[in-house]
Amino acid sequence: MIDTTRTVSFPGLSETLKADADAGAAQVFVEVGYRAEMGRVAVEPYAGLAYVRIATEGFAETGGAAALTSDSTSFDSTTSTLGLHAATDFNLGEAKATLRGGLGWRHAYGDVEPSSLVSFAGGDSFTVHGAPIARDALLLAAGFDVAISPRTSIGMAYTGQIGNSARDHGARATLAVKF
């Protein structure tokens, strides 16, 4: 459920506009890989395919002359991914550690820019564009885990997607305790 409140304010007009609508997302994906041991390093080439559909029902804002309306919209995206994961275990003093990395390429098919057709009451329709998905993106991953006891480990990881017009970087720190 999406509930929005938007304020329009400029000389001669001040309105608070509200709308609500339902939206949903569905994703189906499959990934296959083959893990091979090469000495102390494990490598896993992989291939994946994903389909995502996002659908939003129509809405009509209330609250004034600047209220927008829109019919229902949907956005479908299909991507394929080819890449390689690698990992190696080593001792860090008395602790066991794992170093991981990954490199991949993701390609998006079809339309990569979500959009909606909206209009003001009694006015012509116009298109609002969302943030586009990169047609092609380099996928990067790096991280490590250290077992500080038989039941506890700590870790750090980086993930990144780098495309022509989009960048997405993330970092994660973990503390895992097994009961």
N, C-alpha and C. Protein backbone atom coordinates (compact mmCIF):
# COMPACT_ATOMS: atom_id res chain seq x y z
N MET A 1 0.84 -1.18 0.00
CA MET A 1 0.00 0.00 0.00
C MET A 1 0.89 1.24 0.00
N ILE A 2 0.57 2.17 -0.86
CA ILE A 2 1.33 3.41 -0.97
C ILE A 2 0.41 4.56 -0.60
N ASP A 3 0.81 5.31 0.41
CA ASP A 3 0.10 6.53 0.81
C ASP A 3 1.05 7.69 0.59
N THR A 4 0.61 8.69 -0.18
CA THR A 4 1.48 9.83 -0.45
C THR A 4 0.83 11.13 0.00
N THR A 5 1.66 12.04 0.42
CA THR A 5 1.26 13.42 0.72
C THR A 5 2.29 14.31 0.05
N ARG A 6 1.79 15.26 -0.73
CA ARG A 6 2.67 16.14 -1.50
C ARG A 6 2.20 17.57 -1.28
N THR A 7 3.15 18.46 -1.05
CA THR A 7 2.82 19.87 -0.85
C THR A 7 3.27 20.67 -2.06
N VAL A 8 2.35 21.45 -2.61
CA VAL A 8 2.66 22.35 -3.72
C VAL A 8 2.52 23.76 -3.15
N SER A 9 3.60 24.53 -3.25
CA SER A 9 3.58 25.86 -2.67
C SER A 9 4.41 26.82 -3.51
N PHE A 10 3.76 27.81 -4.05
CA PHE A 10 4.41 28.92 -4.72
C PHE A 10 3.44 30.09 -4.67
N PRO A 11 3.87 31.30 -4.97
CA PRO A 11 2.99 32.47 -4.83
C PRO A 11 1.65 32.26 -5.55
N GLY A 12 0.59 32.41 -4.79
CA GLY A 12 -0.76 32.26 -5.33
C GLY A 12 -1.33 30.87 -5.22
N LEU A 13 -0.54 29.87 -4.78
CA LEU A 13 -1.05 28.50 -4.66
C LEU A 13 -0.32 27.78 -3.54
N SER A 14 -1.10 27.21 -2.64
CA SER A 14 -0.55 26.39 -1.57
C SER A 14 -1.54 25.26 -1.33
N GLU A 15 -1.13 24.03 -1.65
CA GLU A 15 -2.03 22.87 -1.53
C GLU A 15 -1.28 21.68 -0.93
N THR A 16 -2.03 20.87 -0.21
CA THR A 16 -1.53 19.59 0.26
C THR A 16 -2.36 18.52 -0.44
N LEU A 17 -1.69 17.71 -1.22
CA LEU A 17 -2.35 16.72 -2.06
C LEU A 17 -2.06 15.33 -1.52
N LYS A 18 -3.08 14.46 -1.55
CA LYS A 18 -2.94 13.10 -1.00
C LYS A 18 -3.50 12.09 -1.97
N ALA A 19 -2.89 10.89 -1.94
CA ALA A 19 -3.38 9.79 -2.74
C ALA A 19 -2.95 8.48 -2.09
N ASP A 20 -3.66 7.42 -2.42
CA ASP A 20 -3.22 6.09 -2.01
C ASP A 20 -3.50 5.11 -3.14
N ALA A 21 -2.65 4.11 -3.21
CA ALA A 21 -2.76 3.10 -4.26
C ALA A 21 -2.09 1.82 -3.77
N ASP A 22 -2.41 0.74 -4.42
CA ASP A 22 -1.76 -0.53 -4.14
C ASP A 22 -0.72 -0.79 -5.22
N ALA A 23 0.34 -1.48 -4.83
CA ALA A 23 1.39 -1.84 -5.77
C ALA A 23 1.91 -3.22 -5.38
N GLY A 24 2.51 -3.88 -6.33
CA GLY A 24 3.07 -5.20 -6.06
C GLY A 24 4.27 -5.47 -6.92
N ALA A 25 5.11 -6.37 -6.45
CA ALA A 25 6.29 -6.76 -7.19
C ALA A 25 6.41 -8.28 -7.14
N ALA A 26 6.86 -8.86 -8.24
CA ALA A 26 7.10 -10.29 -8.30
C ALA A 26 8.43 -10.51 -9.00
N GLN A 27 9.18 -11.49 -8.53
CA GLN A 27 10.48 -11.79 -9.13
C GLN A 27 10.64 -13.29 -9.24
N VAL A 28 11.16 -13.72 -10.37
CA VAL A 28 11.51 -15.11 -10.60
C VAL A 28 12.95 -15.11 -11.09
N PHE A 29 13.78 -15.96 -10.52
CA PHE A 29 15.16 -16.02 -11.00
C PHE A 29 15.68 -17.44 -10.87
N VAL A 30 16.68 -17.72 -11.68
CA VAL A 30 17.37 -19.00 -11.62
C VAL A 30 18.85 -18.71 -11.83
N GLU A 31 19.68 -19.44 -11.10
CA GLU A 31 21.12 -19.28 -11.25
C GLU A 31 21.75 -20.66 -11.19
N VAL A 32 22.67 -20.92 -12.08
CA VAL A 32 23.41 -22.18 -12.08
C VAL A 32 24.89 -21.85 -12.02
N GLY A 33 25.63 -22.72 -11.35
CA GLY A 33 27.05 -22.54 -11.24
C GLY A 33 27.73 -23.87 -11.05
N TYR A 34 29.01 -23.88 -11.24
CA TYR A 34 29.80 -25.10 -11.04
C TYR A 34 31.03 -24.74 -10.22
N ARG A 35 31.12 -25.31 -9.03
CA ARG A 35 32.25 -25.04 -8.13
C ARG A 35 33.39 -26.00 -8.43
N ALA A 36 34.58 -25.45 -8.60
CA ALA A 36 35.76 -26.26 -8.85
C ALA A 36 36.86 -25.83 -7.89
N GLU A 37 37.55 -26.81 -7.33
CA GLU A 37 38.68 -26.54 -6.42
C GLU A 37 39.96 -26.48 -7.26
N MET A 38 40.69 -25.40 -7.12
CA MET A 38 41.97 -25.24 -7.81
C MET A 38 43.03 -24.96 -6.76
N GLY A 39 43.54 -26.02 -6.17
CA GLY A 39 44.47 -25.86 -5.06
C GLY A 39 43.72 -25.34 -3.85
N ARG A 40 44.16 -24.23 -3.30
CA ARG A 40 43.51 -23.65 -2.11
C ARG A 40 42.38 -22.70 -2.47
N VAL A 41 42.15 -22.49 -3.77
CA VAL A 41 41.12 -21.55 -4.22
C VAL A 41 39.95 -22.32 -4.83
N ALA A 42 38.75 -21.94 -4.44
CA ALA A 42 37.53 -22.49 -5.04
C ALA A 42 36.98 -21.44 -6.00
N VAL A 43 36.75 -21.82 -7.24
CA VAL A 43 36.18 -20.90 -8.22
C VAL A 43 34.82 -21.45 -8.66
N GLU A 44 33.91 -20.54 -8.98
CA GLU A 44 32.57 -20.94 -9.40
C GLU A 44 32.08 -20.02 -10.51
N PRO A 45 32.23 -20.45 -11.77
CA PRO A 45 31.58 -19.69 -12.83
C PRO A 45 30.06 -19.89 -12.69
N TYR A 46 29.29 -18.85 -13.01
CA TYR A 46 27.84 -18.96 -12.87
C TYR A 46 27.14 -18.16 -13.96
N ALA A 47 25.88 -18.52 -14.17
CA ALA A 47 25.00 -17.81 -15.10
C ALA A 47 23.63 -17.71 -14.45
N GLY A 48 23.00 -16.56 -14.61
CA GLY A 48 21.69 -16.36 -14.00
C GLY A 48 20.75 -15.64 -14.95
N LEU A 49 19.46 -15.84 -14.71
CA LEU A 49 18.41 -15.18 -15.48
C LEU A 49 17.34 -14.75 -14.48
N ALA A 50 16.89 -13.49 -14.59
CA ALA A 50 15.88 -12.96 -13.66
C ALA A 50 14.81 -12.18 -14.41
N TYR A 51 13.60 -12.27 -13.90
CA TYR A 51 12.47 -11.50 -14.44
C TYR A 51 11.79 -10.82 -13.26
N VAL A 52 11.55 -9.51 -13.38
CA VAL A 52 10.89 -8.73 -12.32
C VAL A 52 9.73 -7.97 -12.94
N ARG A 53 8.58 -7.99 -12.26
CA ARG A 53 7.42 -7.21 -12.70
C ARG A 53 6.96 -6.37 -11.51
N ILE A 54 6.81 -5.07 -11.75
CA ILE A 54 6.30 -4.15 -10.75
C ILE A 54 5.03 -3.53 -11.32
N ALA A 55 3.95 -3.61 -10.58
CA ALA A 55 2.66 -3.08 -11.04
C ALA A 55 2.07 -2.16 -9.97
N THR A 56 1.55 -1.03 -10.42
CA THR A 56 0.93 -0.05 -9.53
C THR A 56 -0.46 0.27 -10.04
N GLU A 57 -1.45 0.25 -9.15
CA GLU A 57 -2.79 0.60 -9.61
C GLU A 57 -2.87 2.11 -9.82
N GLY A 58 -3.88 2.54 -10.55
CA GLY A 58 -4.08 3.96 -10.80
C GLY A 58 -4.37 4.72 -9.52
N PHE A 59 -4.20 6.03 -9.57
CA PHE A 59 -4.49 6.86 -8.40
C PHE A 59 -5.05 8.20 -8.86
N ALA A 60 -5.70 8.86 -7.94
CA ALA A 60 -6.20 10.23 -8.17
C ALA A 60 -5.97 11.00 -6.88
N GLU A 61 -5.09 11.99 -6.95
CA GLU A 61 -4.82 12.81 -5.77
C GLU A 61 -6.04 13.68 -5.46
N THR A 62 -6.20 14.00 -4.20
CA THR A 62 -7.23 14.92 -3.75
C THR A 62 -6.56 16.08 -3.03
N GLY A 63 -7.23 17.23 -3.02
CA GLY A 63 -6.71 18.35 -2.24
C GLY A 63 -6.51 19.64 -3.00
N GLY A 64 -6.78 19.68 -4.31
CA GLY A 64 -6.62 20.96 -4.99
C GLY A 64 -6.44 20.84 -6.49
N ALA A 65 -6.20 21.99 -7.10
CA ALA A 65 -6.09 22.08 -8.57
C ALA A 65 -4.83 21.42 -9.10
N ALA A 66 -3.80 21.25 -8.28
CA ALA A 66 -2.54 20.65 -8.73
C ALA A 66 -2.54 19.13 -8.56
N ALA A 67 -3.72 18.55 -8.28
CA ALA A 67 -3.82 17.11 -8.07
C ALA A 67 -3.54 16.35 -9.37
N LEU A 68 -2.78 15.28 -9.25
CA LEU A 68 -2.44 14.43 -10.39
C LEU A 68 -3.30 13.18 -10.40
N THR A 69 -3.52 12.63 -11.59
CA THR A 69 -4.17 11.32 -11.73
C THR A 69 -3.31 10.48 -12.66
N SER A 70 -3.43 9.17 -12.49
CA SER A 70 -2.68 8.24 -13.33
C SER A 70 -3.45 6.94 -13.42
N ASP A 71 -3.40 6.32 -14.59
CA ASP A 71 -3.94 4.97 -14.74
C ASP A 71 -2.94 3.99 -14.16
N SER A 72 -3.33 2.74 -14.05
CA SER A 72 -2.41 1.73 -13.54
C SER A 72 -1.21 1.59 -14.50
N THR A 73 -0.07 1.26 -13.94
CA THR A 73 1.15 1.10 -14.73
C THR A 73 1.86 -0.18 -14.31
N SER A 74 2.69 -0.67 -15.20
CA SER A 74 3.53 -1.82 -14.84
C SER A 74 4.87 -1.67 -15.54
N PHE A 75 5.86 -2.31 -14.98
CA PHE A 75 7.21 -2.29 -15.54
C PHE A 75 7.76 -3.70 -15.44
N ASP A 76 8.23 -4.23 -16.55
CA ASP A 76 8.79 -5.57 -16.61
C ASP A 76 10.27 -5.47 -16.96
N SER A 77 11.08 -6.26 -16.31
CA SER A 77 12.52 -6.23 -16.56
C SER A 77 13.06 -7.65 -16.55
N THR A 78 13.87 -7.96 -17.56
CA THR A 78 14.55 -9.26 -17.63
C THR A 78 16.04 -8.99 -17.71
N THR A 79 16.81 -9.71 -16.90
CA THR A 79 18.26 -9.55 -16.91
C THR A 79 18.94 -10.92 -16.97
N SER A 80 20.11 -10.94 -17.56
CA SER A 80 20.95 -12.13 -17.51
C SER A 80 22.28 -11.72 -16.88
N THR A 81 22.90 -12.67 -16.18
CA THR A 81 24.15 -12.40 -15.49
C THR A 81 25.13 -13.53 -15.76
N LEU A 82 26.35 -13.18 -16.08
CA LEU A 82 27.46 -14.13 -16.21
C LEU A 82 28.57 -13.66 -15.29
N GLY A 83 29.16 -14.60 -14.54
CA GLY A 83 30.21 -14.16 -13.64
C GLY A 83 31.02 -15.28 -13.06
N LEU A 84 31.87 -14.91 -12.13
CA LEU A 84 32.77 -15.84 -11.47
C LEU A 84 32.89 -15.45 -10.00
N HIS A 85 32.66 -16.42 -9.12
CA HIS A 85 32.91 -16.27 -7.68
C HIS A 85 34.20 -17.01 -7.36
N ALA A 86 34.96 -16.52 -6.41
CA ALA A 86 36.18 -17.20 -5.96
C ALA A 86 36.31 -17.04 -4.46
N ALA A 87 36.87 -18.04 -3.80
CA ALA A 87 37.07 -17.98 -2.35
C ALA A 87 38.28 -18.83 -1.97
N THR A 88 38.93 -18.41 -0.91
CA THR A 88 40.05 -19.19 -0.37
C THR A 88 40.04 -19.08 1.15
N ASP A 89 40.38 -20.18 1.79
CA ASP A 89 40.48 -20.22 3.25
C ASP A 89 41.95 -20.10 3.64
N PHE A 90 42.21 -19.47 4.78
CA PHE A 90 43.58 -19.36 5.29
C PHE A 90 43.52 -19.13 6.79
N ASN A 91 44.64 -19.30 7.44
CA ASN A 91 44.73 -19.09 8.88
C ASN A 91 45.22 -17.68 9.15
N LEU A 92 44.57 -17.06 10.11
CA LEU A 92 44.95 -15.72 10.55
C LEU A 92 45.30 -15.88 12.03
N GLY A 93 46.56 -16.24 12.28
CA GLY A 93 46.94 -16.60 13.63
C GLY A 93 46.27 -17.91 13.99
N GLU A 94 45.50 -17.92 15.06
CA GLU A 94 44.76 -19.10 15.48
C GLU A 94 43.39 -19.18 14.82
N ALA A 95 42.95 -18.10 14.19
CA ALA A 95 41.60 -18.04 13.60
C ALA A 95 41.61 -18.50 12.15
N LYS A 96 40.48 -19.10 11.76
CA LYS A 96 40.30 -19.48 10.36
C LYS A 96 39.59 -18.33 9.66
N ALA A 97 40.06 -18.02 8.45
CA ALA A 97 39.50 -16.90 7.71
C ALA A 97 39.18 -17.34 6.28
N THR A 98 38.24 -16.64 5.67
CA THR A 98 37.88 -16.87 4.27
C THR A 98 37.90 -15.54 3.55
N LEU A 99 38.55 -15.51 2.41
CA LEU A 99 38.59 -14.34 1.55
C LEU A 99 37.76 -14.66 0.31
N ARG A 100 36.80 -13.77 -0.06
CA ARG A 100 35.90 -13.99 -1.19
C ARG A 100 35.98 -12.84 -2.17
N GLY A 101 35.70 -13.15 -3.43
CA GLY A 101 35.62 -12.12 -4.44
C GLY A 101 34.71 -12.56 -5.57
N GLY A 102 34.27 -11.61 -6.34
CA GLY A 102 33.42 -11.93 -7.47
C GLY A 102 33.48 -10.85 -8.53
N LEU A 103 33.24 -11.27 -9.75
CA LEU A 103 33.23 -10.38 -10.89
C LEU A 103 32.16 -10.89 -11.84
N GLY A 104 31.32 -9.99 -12.34
CA GLY A 104 30.26 -10.43 -13.24
C GLY A 104 29.82 -9.33 -14.17
N TRP A 105 28.96 -9.72 -15.10
CA TRP A 105 28.37 -8.80 -16.08
C TRP A 105 26.87 -9.07 -16.11
N ARG A 106 26.09 -8.02 -15.92
CA ARG A 106 24.63 -8.13 -15.97
C ARG A 106 24.13 -7.33 -17.17
N HIS A 107 23.25 -7.94 -17.96
CA HIS A 107 22.66 -7.28 -19.13
C HIS A 107 21.14 -7.23 -18.95
N ALA A 108 20.56 -6.06 -19.17
CA ALA A 108 19.11 -5.88 -19.08
C ALA A 108 18.52 -5.85 -20.49
N TYR A 109 17.39 -6.52 -20.67
CA TYR A 109 16.73 -6.60 -21.97
C TYR A 109 15.49 -5.72 -21.98
N GLY A 110 15.10 -5.28 -23.15
CA GLY A 110 13.87 -4.51 -23.31
C GLY A 110 14.00 -3.11 -22.76
N ASP A 111 12.87 -2.58 -22.30
CA ASP A 111 12.83 -1.22 -21.77
C ASP A 111 13.52 -1.17 -20.42
N VAL A 112 14.42 -0.23 -20.23
CA VAL A 112 15.16 -0.13 -18.97
C VAL A 112 14.78 1.12 -18.17
N GLU A 113 13.80 1.87 -18.66
CA GLU A 113 13.40 3.10 -17.96
C GLU A 113 11.92 3.05 -17.61
N PRO A 114 11.60 2.89 -16.32
CA PRO A 114 10.18 2.89 -15.93
C PRO A 114 9.57 4.27 -16.14
N SER A 115 8.29 4.28 -16.49
CA SER A 115 7.62 5.56 -16.69
C SER A 115 6.13 5.42 -16.38
N SER A 116 5.49 6.55 -16.11
CA SER A 116 4.06 6.61 -15.85
C SER A 116 3.48 7.78 -16.62
N LEU A 117 2.27 7.61 -17.09
CA LEU A 117 1.55 8.67 -17.77
C LEU A 117 0.61 9.30 -16.74
N VAL A 118 0.78 10.60 -16.46
CA VAL A 118 -0.01 11.30 -15.46
C VAL A 118 -0.61 12.56 -16.08
N SER A 119 -1.60 13.12 -15.39
CA SER A 119 -2.19 14.38 -15.88
C SER A 119 -2.77 15.14 -14.70
N PHE A 120 -2.84 16.47 -14.89
CA PHE A 120 -3.55 17.32 -13.95
C PHE A 120 -5.03 17.27 -14.34
N ALA A 121 -5.91 17.54 -13.40
CA ALA A 121 -7.35 17.50 -13.69
C ALA A 121 -7.66 18.40 -14.88
N GLY A 122 -8.26 17.82 -15.91
CA GLY A 122 -8.65 18.59 -17.09
C GLY A 122 -7.51 18.95 -18.00
N GLY A 123 -6.30 18.46 -17.73
CA GLY A 123 -5.15 18.83 -18.55
C GLY A 123 -4.66 17.69 -19.41
N ASP A 124 -3.70 17.98 -20.26
CA ASP A 124 -3.09 16.97 -21.11
C ASP A 124 -2.20 16.05 -20.28
N SER A 125 -2.05 14.83 -20.74
CA SER A 125 -1.18 13.86 -20.08
C SER A 125 0.28 14.16 -20.38
N PHE A 126 1.14 13.78 -19.46
CA PHE A 126 2.58 13.87 -19.67
C PHE A 126 3.24 12.67 -18.99
N THR A 127 4.46 12.39 -19.39
CA THR A 127 5.15 11.20 -18.90
C THR A 127 6.14 11.58 -17.80
N VAL A 128 6.14 10.80 -16.73
CA VAL A 128 7.11 10.93 -15.65
C VAL A 128 8.00 9.69 -15.71
N HIS A 129 9.32 9.92 -15.80
CA HIS A 129 10.26 8.82 -15.93
C HIS A 129 10.92 8.53 -14.58
N GLY A 130 11.10 7.24 -14.30
CA GLY A 130 11.80 6.82 -13.10
C GLY A 130 13.28 6.64 -13.36
N ALA A 131 14.00 6.23 -12.34
CA ALA A 131 15.44 5.99 -12.48
C ALA A 131 15.66 4.78 -13.38
N PRO A 132 16.46 4.93 -14.42
CA PRO A 132 16.67 3.81 -15.35
C PRO A 132 17.58 2.73 -14.77
N ILE A 133 17.40 1.53 -15.27
CA ILE A 133 18.28 0.42 -14.96
C ILE A 133 19.40 0.45 -15.98
N ALA A 134 20.62 0.22 -15.56
CA ALA A 134 21.75 0.20 -16.49
C ALA A 134 21.57 -0.96 -17.47
N ARG A 135 21.72 -0.69 -18.75
CA ARG A 135 21.61 -1.74 -19.77
C ARG A 135 22.67 -2.82 -19.53
N ASP A 136 23.88 -2.40 -19.24
CA ASP A 136 24.97 -3.32 -18.92
C ASP A 136 25.66 -2.83 -17.65
N ALA A 137 25.97 -3.75 -16.77
CA ALA A 137 26.61 -3.37 -15.51
C ALA A 137 27.70 -4.36 -15.14
N LEU A 138 28.79 -3.83 -14.62
CA LEU A 138 29.86 -4.62 -14.06
C LEU A 138 29.51 -4.89 -12.60
N LEU A 139 29.56 -6.15 -12.19
CA LEU A 139 29.25 -6.53 -10.82
C LEU A 139 30.56 -6.86 -10.10
N LEU A 140 30.74 -6.28 -8.93
CA LEU A 140 31.95 -6.50 -8.14
C LEU A 140 31.56 -6.96 -6.74
N ALA A 141 32.36 -7.84 -6.17
CA ALA A 141 32.14 -8.28 -4.80
C ALA A 141 33.48 -8.63 -4.17
N ALA A 142 33.64 -8.28 -2.91
CA ALA A 142 34.85 -8.63 -2.16
C ALA A 142 34.48 -8.70 -0.69
N GLY A 143 35.08 -9.62 0.02
CA GLY A 143 34.78 -9.71 1.44
C GLY A 143 35.65 -10.74 2.14
N PHE A 144 35.53 -10.75 3.45
CA PHE A 144 36.24 -11.73 4.25
C PHE A 144 35.44 -12.04 5.50
N ASP A 145 35.65 -13.23 6.02
CA ASP A 145 35.07 -13.67 7.29
C ASP A 145 36.18 -14.25 8.14
N VAL A 146 36.12 -14.01 9.44
CA VAL A 146 37.10 -14.55 10.36
C VAL A 146 36.34 -15.22 11.50
N ALA A 147 36.64 -16.52 11.72
CA ALA A 147 36.03 -17.26 12.82
C ALA A 147 36.84 -16.96 14.08
N ILE A 148 36.27 -16.14 14.97
CA ILE A 148 37.01 -15.78 16.18
C ILE A 148 36.82 -16.79 17.30
N SER A 149 35.86 -17.71 17.13
CA SER A 149 35.67 -18.85 18.02
C SER A 149 34.88 -19.88 17.22
N PRO A 150 34.72 -21.10 17.73
CA PRO A 150 33.96 -22.11 16.98
C PRO A 150 32.51 -21.68 16.69
N ARG A 151 31.96 -20.76 17.47
CA ARG A 151 30.56 -20.35 17.30
C ARG A 151 30.39 -18.89 16.87
N THR A 152 31.47 -18.16 16.72
CA THR A 152 31.35 -16.73 16.43
C THR A 152 32.29 -16.34 15.28
N SER A 153 31.74 -15.54 14.37
CA SER A 153 32.57 -15.02 13.28
C SER A 153 32.21 -13.57 13.01
N ILE A 154 33.17 -12.86 12.46
CA ILE A 154 32.94 -11.48 12.04
C ILE A 154 33.31 -11.39 10.55
N GLY A 155 32.74 -10.41 9.88
CA GLY A 155 33.04 -10.28 8.47
C GLY A 155 32.77 -8.89 7.95
N MET A 156 33.35 -8.61 6.80
CA MET A 156 33.13 -7.36 6.07
C MET A 156 32.95 -7.73 4.61
N ALA A 157 32.08 -6.99 3.91
CA ALA A 157 31.87 -7.27 2.48
C ALA A 157 31.54 -5.98 1.74
N TYR A 158 31.91 -5.96 0.47
CA TYR A 158 31.58 -4.88 -0.44
C TYR A 158 30.88 -5.48 -1.65
N THR A 159 29.84 -4.82 -2.13
CA THR A 159 29.21 -5.19 -3.40
C THR A 159 29.04 -3.92 -4.22
N GLY A 160 29.19 -4.05 -5.51
CA GLY A 160 29.04 -2.89 -6.38
C GLY A 160 28.48 -3.28 -7.73
N GLN A 161 27.71 -2.37 -8.29
CA GLN A 161 27.22 -2.48 -9.66
C GLN A 161 27.57 -1.16 -10.34
N ILE A 162 28.29 -1.25 -11.44
CA ILE A 162 28.73 -0.05 -12.12
C ILE A 162 28.26 -0.12 -13.57
N GLY A 163 27.40 0.81 -13.93
CA GLY A 163 26.88 0.87 -15.30
C GLY A 163 27.21 2.21 -15.91
N ASN A 164 26.82 2.39 -17.15
CA ASN A 164 27.11 3.61 -17.88
C ASN A 164 26.54 4.84 -17.18
N SER A 165 25.31 4.74 -16.67
CA SER A 165 24.69 5.90 -16.05
C SER A 165 24.22 5.63 -14.62
N ALA A 166 24.68 4.53 -14.04
CA ALA A 166 24.22 4.19 -12.68
C ALA A 166 25.35 3.55 -11.89
N ARG A 167 25.38 3.86 -10.62
CA ARG A 167 26.35 3.28 -9.70
C ARG A 167 25.60 2.85 -8.45
N ASP A 168 25.96 1.68 -7.94
CA ASP A 168 25.34 1.18 -6.71
C ASP A 168 26.44 0.49 -5.91
N HIS A 169 26.75 1.03 -4.74
CA HIS A 169 27.81 0.48 -3.91
C HIS A 169 27.24 0.18 -2.53
N GLY A 170 27.67 -0.92 -1.96
CA GLY A 170 27.20 -1.29 -0.64
C GLY A 170 28.30 -1.93 0.18
N ALA A 171 28.21 -1.75 1.48
CA ALA A 171 29.15 -2.36 2.41
C ALA A 171 28.35 -3.01 3.53
N ARG A 172 28.88 -4.10 4.04
CA ARG A 172 28.17 -4.82 5.09
C ARG A 172 29.19 -5.35 6.10
N ALA A 173 28.88 -5.20 7.35
CA ALA A 173 29.66 -5.79 8.43
C ALA A 173 28.77 -6.78 9.16
N THR A 174 29.31 -7.95 9.51
CA THR A 174 28.50 -8.97 10.16
C THR A 174 29.18 -9.48 11.43
N LEU A 175 28.36 -9.84 12.36
CA LEU A 175 28.75 -10.57 13.55
C LEU A 175 27.78 -11.74 13.64
N ALA A 176 28.27 -12.95 13.49
CA ALA A 176 27.41 -14.13 13.50
C ALA A 176 27.73 -14.95 14.74
N VAL A 177 26.70 -15.27 15.51
CA VAL A 177 26.84 -16.10 16.69
C VAL A 177 25.91 -17.29 16.53
N LYS A 178 26.46 -18.51 16.59
CA LYS A 178 25.67 -19.73 16.44
C LYS A 178 25.28 -20.25 17.82
N PHE A 179 24.04 -20.62 17.98
CA PHE A 179 23.56 -21.16 19.26
C PHE A 179 23.48 -22.66 19.16
